C-alpha atoms as a PDB file:
ATOM      1  CA  MET A   1      79.166 102.196  82.614  1.00  0.00           C
ATOM      2  CA  GLY A   2      78.031 101.172  86.071  1.00  0.00           C
ATOM      3  CA  ARG A   3      80.390 100.595  88.720  1.00  0.00           C
ATOM      4  CA  HIS A   4      79.882  97.119  89.300  1.00  0.00           C
ATOM      5  CA  LYS A   5      79.969  96.138  85.639  1.00  0.00           C
ATOM      6  CA  THR A   6      83.391  98.359  85.484  1.00  0.00           C
ATOM      7  CA  TYR A   7      84.673  95.471  88.205  1.00  0.00           C
ATOM      8  CA  GLY A   8      83.798  92.616  86.036  1.00  0.00           C
ATOM      9  CA  VAL A   9      85.202  93.983  82.980  1.00  0.00           C
ATOM     10  CA  PHE A  10      88.593  94.902  84.577  1.00  0.00           C
ATOM     11  CA  ASP A  11      88.803  91.721  86.703  1.00  0.00           C
ATOM     12  CA  VAL A  12      89.064  89.702  83.788  1.00  0.00           C
ATOM     13  CA  GLN A  13      92.140  91.599  82.771  1.00  0.00           C
ATOM     14  CA  LYS A  14      93.446  91.319  86.479  1.00  0.00           C
ATOM     15  CA  ILE A  15      92.954  95.172  86.911  1.00  0.00           C
ATOM     16  CA  HIS A  16      91.934  95.953  90.497  1.00  0.00           C
ATOM     17  CA  VAL A  17      89.358  98.563  90.588  1.00  0.00           C
ATOM     18  CA  VAL A  18      88.141 100.095  93.942  1.00  0.00           C
ATOM     19  CA  HIS A  19      85.573 102.674  94.606  1.00  0.00           C
ATOM     20  CA  VAL A  20      87.068 104.637  97.755  1.00  0.00           C
ATOM     21  CA  ASN A  21      84.628 107.252  99.438  1.00  0.00           C
ATOM     22  CA  ILE A  22      86.730 109.771 101.242  1.00  0.00           C
ATOM     23  CA  ASP A  23      84.045 110.469 103.992  1.00  0.00           C
ATOM     24  CA  GLY A  24      85.763 113.413 106.050  1.00  0.00           C
ATOM     25  CA  VAL A  25      87.741 116.325 105.789  1.00  0.00           C
ATOM     26  CA  VAL A  26      91.215 116.062 104.567  1.00  0.00           C
ATOM     27  CA  ASP A  27      93.852 117.647 106.842  1.00  0.00           C
ATOM     28  CA  LEU A  28      95.322 120.433 104.797  1.00  0.00           C
ATOM     29  CA  PRO A  29      96.331 124.126 105.658  1.00  0.00           C
ATOM     30  CA  ARG A  30      92.766 125.530 104.177  1.00  0.00           C
ATOM     31  CA  THR A  31      90.743 123.344 105.817  1.00  0.00           C
ATOM     32  CA  ARG A  32      92.284 123.514 109.166  1.00  0.00           C
ATOM     33  CA  ALA A  33      91.991 127.276 109.019  1.00  0.00           C
ATOM     34  CA  SER A  34      88.311 127.214 108.212  1.00  0.00           C
ATOM     35  CA  ARG A  35      87.751 124.483 111.174  1.00  0.00           C
ATOM     36  CA  GLN A  36      90.134 125.698 113.960  1.00  0.00           C
ATOM     37  CA  ASP A  37      87.679 124.564 116.833  1.00  0.00           C
ATOM     38  CA  LYS A  38      88.072 120.802 115.313  1.00  0.00           C
ATOM     39  CA  PRO A  39      90.283 118.411 117.448  1.00  0.00           C
ATOM     40  CA  ASP A  40      93.100 116.318 115.516  1.00  0.00           C
ATOM     41  CA  ASP A  41      91.034 113.335 115.337  1.00  0.00           C
ATOM     42  CA  PHE A  42      88.563 115.103 113.089  1.00  0.00           C
ATOM     43  CA  PHE A  43      90.630 115.248 110.082  1.00  0.00           C
ATOM     44  CA  LEU A  44      91.955 112.573 107.698  1.00  0.00           C
ATOM     45  CA  LYS A  45      95.744 112.769 107.302  1.00  0.00           C
ATOM     46  CA  PRO A  46      96.766 112.750 103.656  1.00  0.00           C
ATOM     47  CA  ALA A  47      99.605 110.341 104.532  1.00  0.00           C
ATOM     48  CA  ALA A  48      96.977 107.734 105.789  1.00  0.00           C
ATOM     49  CA  ILE A  49      94.928 107.982 102.984  1.00  0.00           C
ATOM     50  CA  ALA A  50      98.028 107.518 100.771  1.00  0.00           C
ATOM     51  CA  ASP A  51      98.927 104.354 102.973  1.00  0.00           C
ATOM     52  CA  THR A  52      95.345 102.895 102.501  1.00  0.00           C
ATOM     53  CA  TYR A  53      95.496 103.294  98.857  1.00  0.00           C
ATOM     54  CA  TRP A  54      99.007 101.688  98.729  1.00  0.00           C
ATOM     55  CA  ALA A  55      97.261  98.598 100.955  1.00  0.00           C
ATOM     56  CA  LEU A  56      94.832  98.180  98.145  1.00  0.00           C
ATOM     57  CA  HIS A  57      97.589  98.184  95.581  1.00  0.00           C
ATOM     58  CA  GLU A  58      99.308  95.236  97.284  1.00  0.00           C
ATOM     59  CA  GLN A  59      96.189  93.314  97.896  1.00  0.00           C
ATOM     60  CA  ASP A  60      96.321  89.719  96.629  1.00  0.00           C
ATOM     61  CA  PRO A  61      93.982  89.254  93.796  1.00  0.00           C
ATOM     62  CA  SER A  62      92.124  86.493  96.003  1.00  0.00           C
ATOM     63  CA  ALA A  63      90.720  88.825  98.262  1.00  0.00           C
ATOM     64  CA  TRP A  64      90.385  92.237  96.416  1.00  0.00           C
ATOM     65  CA  THR A  65      88.515  94.768  98.083  1.00  0.00           C
ATOM     66  CA  HIS A  66      85.893  96.719  95.617  1.00  0.00           C
ATOM     67  CA  GLU A  67      84.139  99.353  97.804  1.00  0.00           C
ATOM     68  CA  LEU A  68      86.041 101.032 101.000  1.00  0.00           C
ATOM     69  CA  ASP A  69      85.005 103.796 103.091  1.00  0.00           C
ATOM     70  CA  VAL A  70      87.745 105.910 104.816  1.00  0.00           C
ATOM     71  CA  ARG A  71      86.506 108.047 107.759  1.00  0.00           C
ATOM     72  CA  PRO A  72      88.309 109.732 110.883  1.00  0.00           C
ATOM     73  CA  ALA A  73      88.238 107.824 114.254  1.00  0.00           C
ATOM     74  CA  GLY A  74      86.849 111.310 115.863  1.00  0.00           C
ATOM     75  CA  GLU A  75      83.896 111.267 113.454  1.00  0.00           C
ATOM     76  CA  LYS A  76      80.800 111.352 115.850  1.00  0.00           C
ATOM     77  CA  TRP A  77      78.058 109.104 114.677  1.00  0.00           C
END
């Protein structure tokens, strides 16, 4: 079942479905160890990712987010 079709099926049931793209390196001991040359703002903090998911959970159904990209501020474009 496609992502957009899934939204429609669950919207009727008032179930919030979100596609979240974690587009970066999560700050974990093993990722830090393998990227020792990178500054702090290169990494996504696990607590910040969790806060983002919690904010999605608390969204009012009149303004649900269905797709979200999460990136670190220090990412070079």
